[in-house]
Amino acid sequence: MVKVLERQNGFFRFRLIIPVCLIFMLILSGCAHTRVKIYPKEIPSEKTSSEGISKEKAAPVKTTPEKTYDETVSGWKSYQDLTKWMKNDFSFDKKRYEEFKGTLPVPRAPRETFRLQSGIYIDAAFFLKETLNRINPSYDARIVVLIFRPYGFNHYVCSFKEGGKLFIMDYGTPYPEVTGVHGPFHSLEEYKIFYKKYHPIKREIEGITYLQ
């Protein structure tokens, strides 16, 4: 009987010790230093020093013109305003050029060329003709075709008159040697000689004429 009582007392003491130990451990953990990650109130700005700038320059992103084609052209006074826009805003569309290489695509409408601010020779020629005649009908802007052989690949530019002289606008081409405003010339034949001389790829020009 005595042994049974001793075993019961020991069992009750053991059950009493367990919660006391747990309470003691909780007290110790509460006193320990806890590390809490505190995030900054504001996200730090990106570095503007040379260390934070990539060595590779990002390609410029084309933005939609603020004014429409009609609004813009109505403010241009001479072909020089058009030339400035072509130089600063218009770019050669390499993807379209490769897609239609060796063929002749339907030219984009002048408003579409203006909106996209890019194109190839046929787009540029029709855009230049429409825009020049809007600025000043006396420019008598016309599409000019250079016919090549044996490649069967023609090139289109835009002519206009100023002071009784002939000028040629050539944009939308991958060759900077012949890109821009050229002249004055006395005739298309004189321009053909210029084109053949300065174009980096020497091809036989079978003929040059106005597009009817």
N, C-alpha and C. Protein backbone atom coordinates (compact mmCIF):
# COMPACT_ATOMS: atom_id res chain seq x y z
N MET A 1 0.83 -1.21 0.00
CA MET A 1 0.00 0.00 0.00
C MET A 1 0.86 1.25 0.00
N VAL A 2 1.91 1.24 0.81
CA VAL A 2 2.81 2.39 0.93
C VAL A 2 3.50 2.64 -0.41
N LYS A 3 3.93 1.52 -1.05
CA LYS A 3 4.63 1.66 -2.33
C LYS A 3 3.71 2.25 -3.39
N VAL A 4 2.45 1.89 -3.34
CA VAL A 4 1.50 2.44 -4.31
C VAL A 4 1.34 3.93 -4.14
N LEU A 5 1.27 4.38 -2.86
CA LEU A 5 1.13 5.81 -2.59
C LEU A 5 2.36 6.57 -3.04
N GLU A 6 3.55 5.99 -2.82
CA GLU A 6 4.80 6.66 -3.23
C GLU A 6 4.84 6.82 -4.76
N ARG A 7 4.38 5.78 -5.46
CA ARG A 7 4.36 5.88 -6.92
C ARG A 7 3.40 6.97 -7.41
N GLN A 8 2.27 7.08 -6.75
CA GLN A 8 1.29 8.12 -7.14
C GLN A 8 1.84 9.52 -6.88
N ASN A 9 2.50 9.68 -5.69
CA ASN A 9 3.08 10.99 -5.36
C ASN A 9 4.16 11.37 -6.39
N GLY A 10 4.96 10.39 -6.77
CA GLY A 10 6.01 10.67 -7.75
C GLY A 10 5.43 11.05 -9.11
N PHE A 11 4.35 10.40 -9.46
CA PHE A 11 3.71 10.71 -10.74
C PHE A 11 3.14 12.13 -10.75
N PHE A 12 2.50 12.52 -9.61
CA PHE A 12 1.94 13.89 -9.52
C PHE A 12 3.04 14.94 -9.53
N ARG A 13 4.20 14.65 -8.87
CA ARG A 13 5.32 15.62 -8.87
C ARG A 13 5.86 15.79 -10.29
N PHE A 14 5.92 14.68 -11.05
CA PHE A 14 6.42 14.73 -12.43
C PHE A 14 5.51 15.59 -13.32
N ARG A 15 4.19 15.41 -13.13
CA ARG A 15 3.23 16.21 -13.90
C ARG A 15 3.32 17.68 -13.53
N LEU A 16 3.68 18.01 -12.32
CA LEU A 16 3.80 19.39 -11.87
C LEU A 16 5.06 20.04 -12.43
N ILE A 17 6.11 19.25 -12.58
CA ILE A 17 7.39 19.81 -13.06
C ILE A 17 7.30 20.22 -14.52
N ILE A 18 6.54 19.47 -15.34
CA ILE A 18 6.47 19.74 -16.78
C ILE A 18 5.95 21.14 -17.09
N PRO A 19 4.79 21.58 -16.54
CA PRO A 19 4.33 22.95 -16.86
C PRO A 19 5.25 24.03 -16.33
N VAL A 20 5.91 23.76 -15.17
CA VAL A 20 6.84 24.75 -14.61
C VAL A 20 7.99 24.97 -15.58
N CYS A 21 8.50 23.89 -16.15
CA CYS A 21 9.60 23.99 -17.12
C CYS A 21 9.17 24.75 -18.37
N LEU A 22 7.95 24.48 -18.82
CA LEU A 22 7.46 25.17 -20.01
C LEU A 22 7.34 26.66 -19.78
N ILE A 23 6.84 27.06 -18.60
CA ILE A 23 6.71 28.48 -18.26
C ILE A 23 8.08 29.13 -18.23
N PHE A 24 9.07 28.43 -17.67
CA PHE A 24 10.43 28.96 -17.56
C PHE A 24 11.05 29.18 -18.94
N MET A 25 10.80 28.25 -19.87
CA MET A 25 11.34 28.37 -21.21
C MET A 25 10.71 29.53 -21.97
N LEU A 26 9.42 29.73 -21.75
CA LEU A 26 8.75 30.86 -22.40
C LEU A 26 9.28 32.19 -21.94
N ILE A 27 9.59 32.28 -20.63
CA ILE A 27 10.14 33.53 -20.07
C ILE A 27 11.49 33.83 -20.69
N LEU A 28 12.33 32.78 -20.84
CA LEU A 28 13.66 32.98 -21.41
C LEU A 28 13.58 33.41 -22.87
N SER A 29 12.67 32.80 -23.63
CA SER A 29 12.54 33.17 -25.04
C SER A 29 12.03 34.59 -25.22
N GLY A 30 11.22 35.07 -24.29
CA GLY A 30 10.72 36.43 -24.36
C GLY A 30 11.81 37.44 -24.08
N CYS A 31 12.80 37.06 -23.27
CA CYS A 31 13.88 37.98 -22.94
C CYS A 31 14.93 38.03 -24.03
N ALA A 32 14.98 37.04 -24.93
CA ALA A 32 16.01 37.00 -25.97
C ALA A 32 15.75 38.07 -27.01
N HIS A 33 16.84 38.56 -27.65
CA HIS A 33 16.72 39.59 -28.69
C HIS A 33 16.20 38.97 -29.97
N THR A 34 15.18 39.54 -30.54
CA THR A 34 14.62 39.05 -31.80
C THR A 34 15.01 40.01 -32.91
N ARG A 35 15.32 39.47 -34.11
CA ARG A 35 15.72 40.28 -35.24
C ARG A 35 14.55 40.40 -36.21
N VAL A 36 14.04 41.60 -36.38
CA VAL A 36 12.92 41.86 -37.27
C VAL A 36 13.41 42.70 -38.43
N LYS A 37 13.18 42.24 -39.69
CA LYS A 37 13.64 42.97 -40.88
C LYS A 37 12.73 44.15 -41.15
N ILE A 38 13.30 45.35 -41.11
CA ILE A 38 12.53 46.57 -41.32
C ILE A 38 12.83 47.10 -42.71
N TYR A 39 11.80 47.24 -43.54
CA TYR A 39 11.98 47.73 -44.90
C TYR A 39 11.97 49.25 -44.90
N PRO A 40 12.70 49.86 -45.82
CA PRO A 40 12.71 51.33 -45.88
C PRO A 40 11.33 51.87 -46.23
N LYS A 41 11.04 53.06 -45.74
CA LYS A 41 9.74 53.67 -46.01
C LYS A 41 9.59 54.02 -47.48
N GLU A 42 10.71 54.38 -48.13
CA GLU A 42 10.69 54.73 -49.54
C GLU A 42 11.66 53.83 -50.30
N ILE A 43 11.28 53.48 -51.53
CA ILE A 43 12.16 52.68 -52.37
C ILE A 43 13.27 53.57 -52.88
N PRO A 44 14.53 53.21 -52.68
CA PRO A 44 15.63 54.07 -53.14
C PRO A 44 15.60 54.24 -54.64
N SER A 45 15.89 55.45 -55.09
CA SER A 45 15.89 55.72 -56.52
C SER A 45 17.06 55.03 -57.19
N GLU A 46 16.91 54.82 -58.54
CA GLU A 46 17.96 54.17 -59.28
C GLU A 46 19.19 55.07 -59.35
N LYS A 47 20.35 54.43 -59.45
CA LYS A 47 21.59 55.19 -59.53
C LYS A 47 21.63 55.98 -60.83
N THR A 48 22.09 57.21 -60.72
CA THR A 48 22.23 58.05 -61.91
C THR A 48 23.69 58.22 -62.29
N SER A 49 24.57 57.62 -61.50
CA SER A 49 25.98 57.70 -61.82
C SER A 49 26.30 56.74 -62.94
N SER A 50 27.53 56.78 -63.40
CA SER A 50 27.96 55.92 -64.50
C SER A 50 27.90 54.46 -64.11
N GLU A 51 27.95 54.16 -62.80
CA GLU A 51 27.91 52.77 -62.35
C GLU A 51 26.54 52.16 -62.60
N GLY A 52 25.50 52.98 -62.57
CA GLY A 52 24.15 52.45 -62.72
C GLY A 52 23.62 52.52 -64.13
N ILE A 53 24.44 52.98 -65.07
CA ILE A 53 24.00 53.13 -66.45
C ILE A 53 24.66 52.08 -67.31
N SER A 54 23.85 51.39 -68.09
CA SER A 54 24.39 50.37 -68.97
C SER A 54 25.24 51.00 -70.05
N LYS A 55 26.26 50.32 -70.45
CA LYS A 55 27.14 50.83 -71.49
C LYS A 55 26.44 50.84 -72.84
N GLU A 56 25.47 49.94 -73.02
CA GLU A 56 24.74 49.89 -74.27
C GLU A 56 23.62 50.91 -74.27
N LYS A 57 23.55 51.71 -75.31
CA LYS A 57 22.51 52.72 -75.42
C LYS A 57 21.21 52.09 -75.90
N ALA A 58 20.15 52.46 -75.22
CA ALA A 58 18.84 51.92 -75.61
C ALA A 58 18.37 52.60 -76.89
N ALA A 59 17.71 51.84 -77.74
CA ALA A 59 17.20 52.39 -78.99
C ALA A 59 16.10 53.39 -78.70
N PRO A 60 16.10 54.51 -79.42
CA PRO A 60 15.08 55.51 -79.18
C PRO A 60 13.69 54.98 -79.47
N VAL A 61 12.74 55.34 -78.64
CA VAL A 61 11.37 54.87 -78.79
C VAL A 61 10.56 55.92 -79.53
N LYS A 62 9.89 55.49 -80.61
CA LYS A 62 9.05 56.41 -81.37
C LYS A 62 7.77 56.71 -80.61
N THR A 63 7.44 57.97 -80.54
CA THR A 63 6.21 58.39 -79.88
C THR A 63 5.25 58.95 -80.93
N THR A 64 3.98 58.79 -80.69
CA THR A 64 2.98 59.30 -81.61
C THR A 64 3.03 60.82 -81.64
N PRO A 65 3.07 61.43 -82.83
CA PRO A 65 3.12 62.90 -82.92
C PRO A 65 1.97 63.55 -82.17
N GLU A 66 2.26 64.66 -81.52
CA GLU A 66 1.22 65.37 -80.76
C GLU A 66 0.16 65.96 -81.69
N LYS A 67 0.60 66.44 -82.85
CA LYS A 67 -0.32 67.03 -83.82
C LYS A 67 -0.57 66.06 -84.97
N THR A 68 -1.69 66.23 -85.62
CA THR A 68 -2.01 65.40 -86.76
C THR A 68 -1.17 65.83 -87.97
N TYR A 69 -1.23 65.00 -89.00
CA TYR A 69 -0.51 65.33 -90.24
C TYR A 69 -0.98 66.67 -90.80
N ASP A 70 -2.29 66.88 -90.87
CA ASP A 70 -2.83 68.12 -91.43
C ASP A 70 -2.44 69.33 -90.60
N GLU A 71 -2.50 69.20 -89.29
CA GLU A 71 -2.13 70.32 -88.41
C GLU A 71 -0.65 70.67 -88.56
N THR A 72 0.17 69.65 -88.66
CA THR A 72 1.62 69.89 -88.76
C THR A 72 1.98 70.54 -90.09
N VAL A 73 1.49 69.98 -91.17
CA VAL A 73 1.84 70.49 -92.50
C VAL A 73 1.32 71.90 -92.71
N SER A 74 0.18 72.22 -92.12
CA SER A 74 -0.38 73.58 -92.27
C SER A 74 0.54 74.64 -91.67
N GLY A 75 1.42 74.22 -90.78
CA GLY A 75 2.35 75.16 -90.16
C GLY A 75 3.69 75.24 -90.86
N TRP A 76 3.92 74.38 -91.84
CA TRP A 76 5.19 74.41 -92.57
C TRP A 76 5.11 75.43 -93.71
N LYS A 77 6.18 76.19 -93.86
CA LYS A 77 6.19 77.28 -94.84
C LYS A 77 7.01 76.98 -96.09
N SER A 78 7.95 76.05 -95.99
CA SER A 78 8.78 75.73 -97.16
C SER A 78 9.24 74.28 -97.09
N TYR A 79 9.90 73.86 -98.15
CA TYR A 79 10.41 72.48 -98.20
C TYR A 79 11.44 72.22 -97.11
N GLN A 80 12.05 73.30 -96.61
CA GLN A 80 13.06 73.15 -95.55
C GLN A 80 12.44 72.65 -94.25
N ASP A 81 11.18 73.01 -93.98
CA ASP A 81 10.50 72.50 -92.80
C ASP A 81 10.27 71.00 -92.94
N LEU A 82 9.93 70.57 -94.13
CA LEU A 82 9.74 69.15 -94.41
C LEU A 82 11.08 68.41 -94.28
N THR A 83 12.12 69.00 -94.83
CA THR A 83 13.45 68.38 -94.75
C THR A 83 13.89 68.20 -93.30
N LYS A 84 13.60 69.19 -92.48
CA LYS A 84 13.96 69.12 -91.06
C LYS A 84 13.23 67.97 -90.38
N TRP A 85 11.95 67.80 -90.69
CA TRP A 85 11.18 66.70 -90.08
C TRP A 85 11.70 65.35 -90.55
N MET A 86 12.00 65.24 -91.82
CA MET A 86 12.52 63.97 -92.36
C MET A 86 13.85 63.62 -91.69
N LYS A 87 14.67 64.59 -91.45
CA LYS A 87 15.99 64.37 -90.87
C LYS A 87 15.89 64.00 -89.38
N ASN A 88 15.00 64.67 -88.66
CA ASN A 88 14.92 64.48 -87.21
C ASN A 88 13.93 63.41 -86.76
N ASP A 89 12.85 63.22 -87.51
CA ASP A 89 11.78 62.34 -87.04
C ASP A 89 11.56 61.08 -87.89
N PHE A 90 11.83 61.18 -89.15
CA PHE A 90 11.59 60.03 -90.04
C PHE A 90 12.77 59.07 -89.99
N SER A 91 12.46 57.76 -90.03
CA SER A 91 13.52 56.75 -90.01
C SER A 91 13.24 55.66 -91.03
N PHE A 92 14.28 55.03 -91.47
CA PHE A 92 14.20 53.95 -92.44
C PHE A 92 13.64 52.70 -91.77
N ASP A 93 12.61 52.11 -92.40
CA ASP A 93 11.95 50.92 -91.85
C ASP A 93 12.64 49.67 -92.40
N LYS A 94 13.62 49.18 -91.68
CA LYS A 94 14.41 48.04 -92.14
C LYS A 94 13.57 46.78 -92.28
N LYS A 95 12.67 46.56 -91.34
CA LYS A 95 11.83 45.37 -91.38
C LYS A 95 10.96 45.35 -92.64
N ARG A 96 10.34 46.46 -92.95
CA ARG A 96 9.49 46.57 -94.15
C ARG A 96 10.34 46.43 -95.41
N TYR A 97 11.53 46.99 -95.38
CA TYR A 97 12.44 46.91 -96.53
C TYR A 97 12.81 45.46 -96.84
N GLU A 98 13.14 44.70 -95.79
CA GLU A 98 13.52 43.30 -95.98
C GLU A 98 12.32 42.46 -96.42
N GLU A 99 11.15 42.81 -95.90
CA GLU A 99 9.94 42.05 -96.23
C GLU A 99 9.59 42.16 -97.71
N PHE A 100 9.79 43.36 -98.28
CA PHE A 100 9.41 43.58 -99.67
C PHE A 100 10.61 43.75 -100.60
N LYS A 101 11.74 43.25 -100.17
CA LYS A 101 12.96 43.38 -100.97
C LYS A 101 12.77 42.69 -102.32
N GLY A 102 13.05 43.43 -103.39
CA GLY A 102 12.90 42.88 -104.73
C GLY A 102 11.50 43.00 -105.30
N THR A 103 10.57 43.54 -104.51
CA THR A 103 9.19 43.73 -104.96
C THR A 103 8.77 45.17 -104.68
N LEU A 104 7.58 45.51 -105.11
CA LEU A 104 7.07 46.86 -104.88
C LEU A 104 5.79 46.80 -104.07
N PRO A 105 5.84 47.19 -102.80
CA PRO A 105 4.62 47.17 -101.97
C PRO A 105 3.72 48.35 -102.29
N VAL A 106 2.50 48.26 -101.87
CA VAL A 106 1.58 49.39 -101.99
C VAL A 106 2.07 50.48 -101.04
N PRO A 107 2.27 51.70 -101.54
CA PRO A 107 2.77 52.76 -100.67
C PRO A 107 1.78 53.11 -99.57
N ARG A 108 2.32 53.44 -98.42
CA ARG A 108 1.47 53.87 -97.32
C ARG A 108 0.88 55.25 -97.62
N ALA A 109 -0.27 55.51 -97.07
CA ALA A 109 -0.87 56.83 -97.19
C ALA A 109 0.00 57.83 -96.43
N PRO A 110 0.10 59.07 -96.90
CA PRO A 110 0.94 60.07 -96.23
C PRO A 110 0.65 60.23 -94.75
N ARG A 111 -0.61 60.17 -94.36
CA ARG A 111 -0.95 60.30 -92.95
C ARG A 111 -0.41 59.12 -92.13
N GLU A 112 -0.42 57.93 -92.73
CA GLU A 112 0.10 56.76 -92.04
C GLU A 112 1.62 56.84 -91.90
N THR A 113 2.28 57.29 -92.94
CA THR A 113 3.74 57.48 -92.88
C THR A 113 4.10 58.49 -91.80
N PHE A 114 3.31 59.56 -91.73
CA PHE A 114 3.56 60.59 -90.72
C PHE A 114 3.35 60.03 -89.32
N ARG A 115 2.31 59.24 -89.13
CA ARG A 115 2.02 58.68 -87.82
C ARG A 115 3.10 57.70 -87.38
N LEU A 116 3.53 56.84 -88.30
CA LEU A 116 4.55 55.85 -87.98
C LEU A 116 5.96 56.46 -87.93
N GLN A 117 6.13 57.58 -88.62
CA GLN A 117 7.42 58.27 -88.68
C GLN A 117 8.52 57.35 -89.25
N SER A 118 8.12 56.49 -90.16
CA SER A 118 9.08 55.58 -90.77
C SER A 118 8.50 55.04 -92.06
N GLY A 119 9.36 54.39 -92.84
CA GLY A 119 8.92 53.80 -94.09
C GLY A 119 10.10 53.49 -94.97
N ILE A 120 9.81 53.09 -96.21
CA ILE A 120 10.85 52.82 -97.19
C ILE A 120 10.68 53.80 -98.35
N TYR A 121 11.51 53.65 -99.38
CA TYR A 121 11.58 54.62 -100.47
C TYR A 121 10.23 54.96 -101.08
N ILE A 122 9.37 53.95 -101.32
CA ILE A 122 8.08 54.20 -101.96
C ILE A 122 7.15 54.99 -101.03
N ASP A 123 7.21 54.70 -99.74
CA ASP A 123 6.40 55.44 -98.76
C ASP A 123 6.87 56.89 -98.67
N ALA A 124 8.18 57.06 -98.62
CA ALA A 124 8.75 58.40 -98.50
C ALA A 124 8.45 59.24 -99.73
N ALA A 125 8.56 58.64 -100.92
CA ALA A 125 8.33 59.39 -102.16
C ALA A 125 6.90 59.93 -102.23
N PHE A 126 5.92 59.10 -101.92
CA PHE A 126 4.52 59.54 -101.97
C PHE A 126 4.22 60.54 -100.85
N PHE A 127 4.84 60.34 -99.69
CA PHE A 127 4.67 61.29 -98.58
C PHE A 127 5.25 62.65 -98.95
N LEU A 128 6.44 62.66 -99.55
CA LEU A 128 7.09 63.91 -99.92
C LEU A 128 6.30 64.66 -100.99
N LYS A 129 5.82 63.93 -101.98
CA LYS A 129 5.05 64.56 -103.05
C LYS A 129 3.80 65.25 -102.49
N GLU A 130 3.03 64.51 -101.70
CA GLU A 130 1.79 65.07 -101.13
C GLU A 130 2.09 66.27 -100.25
N THR A 131 3.11 66.16 -99.42
CA THR A 131 3.41 67.22 -98.46
C THR A 131 3.96 68.46 -99.14
N LEU A 132 4.86 68.29 -100.10
CA LEU A 132 5.42 69.44 -100.81
C LEU A 132 4.34 70.22 -101.55
N ASN A 133 3.44 69.52 -102.20
CA ASN A 133 2.37 70.20 -102.94
C ASN A 133 1.36 70.86 -102.00
N ARG A 134 1.25 70.38 -100.80
CA ARG A 134 0.41 71.04 -99.81
C ARG A 134 1.07 72.33 -99.33
N ILE A 135 2.36 72.27 -99.09
CA ILE A 135 3.09 73.44 -98.62
C ILE A 135 3.06 74.55 -99.66
N ASN A 136 3.37 74.15 -100.90
CA ASN A 136 3.41 75.14 -101.98
C ASN A 136 3.20 74.43 -103.31
N PRO A 137 2.03 74.59 -103.92
CA PRO A 137 1.73 73.91 -105.18
C PRO A 137 2.73 74.23 -106.30
N SER A 138 3.41 75.38 -106.19
CA SER A 138 4.37 75.75 -107.23
C SER A 138 5.61 74.86 -107.22
N TYR A 139 5.77 74.07 -106.16
CA TYR A 139 6.88 73.13 -106.14
C TYR A 139 6.72 72.07 -107.23
N ASP A 140 5.48 71.82 -107.63
CA ASP A 140 5.19 70.85 -108.68
C ASP A 140 5.88 69.51 -108.38
N ALA A 141 5.69 69.03 -107.17
CA ALA A 141 6.35 67.79 -106.74
C ALA A 141 5.81 66.59 -107.51
N ARG A 142 6.73 65.71 -107.93
CA ARG A 142 6.35 64.53 -108.72
C ARG A 142 7.20 63.33 -108.30
N ILE A 143 6.66 62.14 -108.54
CA ILE A 143 7.38 60.90 -108.26
C ILE A 143 8.31 60.59 -109.43
N VAL A 144 9.55 60.27 -109.12
CA VAL A 144 10.54 59.92 -110.12
C VAL A 144 10.95 58.46 -109.93
N VAL A 145 11.05 57.72 -111.03
CA VAL A 145 11.42 56.30 -110.98
C VAL A 145 12.78 56.10 -111.64
N LEU A 146 13.68 55.44 -110.91
CA LEU A 146 14.95 55.01 -111.49
C LEU A 146 14.83 53.52 -111.80
N ILE A 147 15.04 53.16 -113.05
CA ILE A 147 14.87 51.78 -113.50
C ILE A 147 16.24 51.12 -113.61
N PHE A 148 16.42 50.03 -112.89
CA PHE A 148 17.71 49.34 -112.85
C PHE A 148 17.68 48.03 -113.62
N ARG A 149 18.80 47.69 -114.14
CA ARG A 149 19.02 46.40 -114.78
C ARG A 149 20.41 45.91 -114.39
N PRO A 150 20.60 44.60 -114.23
CA PRO A 150 19.69 43.50 -114.55
C PRO A 150 18.83 43.07 -113.38
N TYR A 151 18.85 43.82 -112.26
CA TYR A 151 18.19 43.38 -111.04
C TYR A 151 16.67 43.50 -111.09
N GLY A 152 16.17 44.35 -111.97
CA GLY A 152 14.73 44.54 -112.02
C GLY A 152 14.19 45.18 -110.76
N PHE A 153 15.03 45.94 -110.08
CA PHE A 153 14.64 46.58 -108.82
C PHE A 153 14.66 48.09 -109.02
N ASN A 154 13.50 48.72 -109.01
CA ASN A 154 13.41 50.16 -109.25
C ASN A 154 13.45 50.94 -107.94
N HIS A 155 13.81 52.21 -108.07
CA HIS A 155 13.87 53.07 -106.90
C HIS A 155 13.03 54.31 -107.16
N TYR A 156 12.35 54.78 -106.08
CA TYR A 156 11.43 55.90 -106.21
C TYR A 156 11.87 57.06 -105.33
N VAL A 157 11.90 58.25 -105.94
CA VAL A 157 12.26 59.47 -105.21
C VAL A 157 11.23 60.54 -105.57
N CYS A 158 11.41 61.73 -105.01
CA CYS A 158 10.47 62.82 -105.27
C CYS A 158 11.23 64.04 -105.79
N SER A 159 10.74 64.60 -106.87
CA SER A 159 11.35 65.82 -107.43
C SER A 159 10.47 67.03 -107.11
N PHE A 160 11.09 68.20 -107.05
CA PHE A 160 10.33 69.45 -106.92
C PHE A 160 11.16 70.58 -107.52
N LYS A 161 10.49 71.67 -107.81
CA LYS A 161 11.15 72.81 -108.44
C LYS A 161 11.23 74.00 -107.47
N GLU A 162 12.37 74.65 -107.52
CA GLU A 162 12.58 75.83 -106.68
C GLU A 162 13.51 76.78 -107.43
N GLY A 163 12.99 77.98 -107.71
CA GLY A 163 13.81 78.96 -108.43
C GLY A 163 14.16 78.52 -109.84
N GLY A 164 13.27 77.76 -110.46
CA GLY A 164 13.50 77.30 -111.82
C GLY A 164 14.46 76.13 -111.91
N LYS A 165 14.91 75.61 -110.78
CA LYS A 165 15.85 74.49 -110.75
C LYS A 165 15.15 73.23 -110.23
N LEU A 166 15.73 72.09 -110.59
CA LEU A 166 15.18 70.80 -110.19
C LEU A 166 15.93 70.27 -108.97
N PHE A 167 15.16 69.82 -107.98
CA PHE A 167 15.73 69.22 -106.77
C PHE A 167 15.12 67.83 -106.58
N ILE A 168 15.87 66.97 -105.92
CA ILE A 168 15.41 65.61 -105.65
C ILE A 168 15.49 65.33 -104.16
N MET A 169 14.41 64.78 -103.61
CA MET A 169 14.39 64.31 -102.22
C MET A 169 14.40 62.79 -102.23
N ASP A 170 15.33 62.22 -101.51
CA ASP A 170 15.46 60.76 -101.46
C ASP A 170 15.58 60.32 -100.00
N TYR A 171 14.52 59.68 -99.50
CA TYR A 171 14.52 59.17 -98.12
C TYR A 171 13.95 57.74 -98.14
N GLY A 172 14.06 57.06 -97.00
CA GLY A 172 13.57 55.69 -96.94
C GLY A 172 14.50 54.71 -97.60
N THR A 173 15.78 55.03 -97.65
CA THR A 173 16.79 54.16 -98.24
C THR A 173 17.85 53.85 -97.20
N PRO A 174 18.45 52.65 -97.23
CA PRO A 174 19.48 52.32 -96.24
C PRO A 174 20.84 52.92 -96.55
N TYR A 175 20.93 53.68 -97.64
CA TYR A 175 22.23 54.22 -98.05
C TYR A 175 22.31 55.73 -97.78
N PRO A 176 23.05 56.12 -96.75
CA PRO A 176 23.14 57.55 -96.40
C PRO A 176 23.82 58.38 -97.47
N GLU A 177 24.61 57.74 -98.35
CA GLU A 177 25.32 58.48 -99.40
C GLU A 177 24.36 59.19 -100.36
N VAL A 178 23.16 58.65 -100.50
CA VAL A 178 22.20 59.24 -101.45
C VAL A 178 20.93 59.72 -100.74
N THR A 179 20.95 59.73 -99.42
CA THR A 179 19.79 60.17 -98.65
C THR A 179 19.83 61.69 -98.45
N GLY A 180 18.66 62.32 -98.62
CA GLY A 180 18.57 63.76 -98.37
C GLY A 180 18.03 64.52 -99.55
N VAL A 181 18.32 65.83 -99.58
CA VAL A 181 17.90 66.71 -100.67
C VAL A 181 19.10 66.96 -101.57
N HIS A 182 18.91 66.73 -102.86
CA HIS A 182 20.01 66.86 -103.82
C HIS A 182 19.63 67.86 -104.91
N GLY A 183 20.63 68.60 -105.38
CA GLY A 183 20.40 69.56 -106.45
C GLY A 183 21.11 70.87 -106.16
N PRO A 184 20.90 71.86 -106.99
CA PRO A 184 19.96 71.84 -108.13
C PRO A 184 20.51 71.10 -109.34
N PHE A 185 19.57 70.56 -110.13
CA PHE A 185 19.88 69.88 -111.39
C PHE A 185 19.14 70.57 -112.53
N HIS A 186 19.67 70.41 -113.72
CA HIS A 186 18.99 70.95 -114.89
C HIS A 186 17.99 69.95 -115.46
N SER A 187 18.20 68.66 -115.16
CA SER A 187 17.33 67.63 -115.71
C SER A 187 17.44 66.36 -114.89
N LEU A 188 16.54 65.42 -115.16
CA LEU A 188 16.59 64.13 -114.49
C LEU A 188 17.85 63.36 -114.88
N GLU A 189 18.30 63.54 -116.10
CA GLU A 189 19.50 62.86 -116.56
C GLU A 189 20.72 63.29 -115.73
N GLU A 190 20.74 64.53 -115.36
CA GLU A 190 21.84 65.03 -114.53
C GLU A 190 21.79 64.41 -113.14
N TYR A 191 20.57 64.26 -112.62
CA TYR A 191 20.44 63.60 -111.31
C TYR A 191 20.84 62.13 -111.41
N LYS A 192 20.52 61.48 -112.53
CA LYS A 192 20.89 60.07 -112.71
C LYS A 192 22.40 59.90 -112.63
N ILE A 193 23.14 60.83 -113.21
CA ILE A 193 24.60 60.78 -113.15
C ILE A 193 25.08 60.91 -111.70
N PHE A 194 24.43 61.83 -110.97
CA PHE A 194 24.77 62.02 -109.55
C PHE A 194 24.51 60.75 -108.76
N TYR A 195 23.35 60.15 -108.98
CA TYR A 195 22.97 58.94 -108.24
C TYR A 195 23.94 57.80 -108.53
N LYS A 196 24.26 57.62 -109.78
CA LYS A 196 25.16 56.53 -110.18
C LYS A 196 26.56 56.74 -109.60
N LYS A 197 26.96 57.97 -109.47
CA LYS A 197 28.30 58.28 -108.97
C LYS A 197 28.41 58.03 -107.47
N TYR A 198 27.39 58.40 -106.70
CA TYR A 198 27.50 58.37 -105.24
C TYR A 198 26.86 57.15 -104.57
N HIS A 199 26.04 56.41 -105.28
CA HIS A 199 25.46 55.22 -104.67
C HIS A 199 26.55 54.17 -104.46
N PRO A 200 26.63 53.59 -103.26
CA PRO A 200 27.72 52.64 -102.97
C PRO A 200 27.67 51.36 -103.78
N ILE A 201 26.46 50.97 -104.25
CA ILE A 201 26.33 49.76 -105.06
C ILE A 201 26.21 50.18 -106.54
N LYS A 202 27.16 49.79 -107.31
CA LYS A 202 27.19 50.19 -108.71
C LYS A 202 26.29 49.29 -109.55
N ARG A 203 25.21 49.86 -110.03
CA ARG A 203 24.26 49.13 -110.87
C ARG A 203 23.98 49.94 -112.13
N GLU A 204 23.57 49.27 -113.14
CA GLU A 204 23.27 49.95 -114.40
C GLU A 204 21.87 50.56 -114.33
N ILE A 205 21.81 51.87 -114.53
CA ILE A 205 20.52 52.56 -114.55
C ILE A 205 20.05 52.61 -116.00
N GLU A 206 19.03 51.82 -116.27
CA GLU A 206 18.52 51.74 -117.65
C GLU A 206 17.77 52.99 -118.04
N GLY A 207 17.09 53.59 -117.07
CA GLY A 207 16.34 54.78 -117.40
C GLY A 207 15.86 55.51 -116.16
N ILE A 208 15.41 56.74 -116.35
CA ILE A 208 14.85 57.54 -115.27
C ILE A 208 13.68 58.34 -115.85
N THR A 209 12.56 58.34 -115.17
CA THR A 209 11.38 59.00 -115.72
C THR A 209 10.42 59.40 -114.61
N TYR A 210 9.45 60.19 -114.96
CA TYR A 210 8.41 60.57 -114.00
C TYR A 210 7.33 59.49 -113.97
N LEU A 211 6.79 59.25 -112.80
CA LEU A 211 5.68 58.29 -112.67
C LEU A 211 4.40 58.97 -113.10
N GLN A 212 3.76 58.43 -114.11
CA GLN A 212 2.54 59.04 -114.63
C GLN A 212 1.33 58.68 -113.77
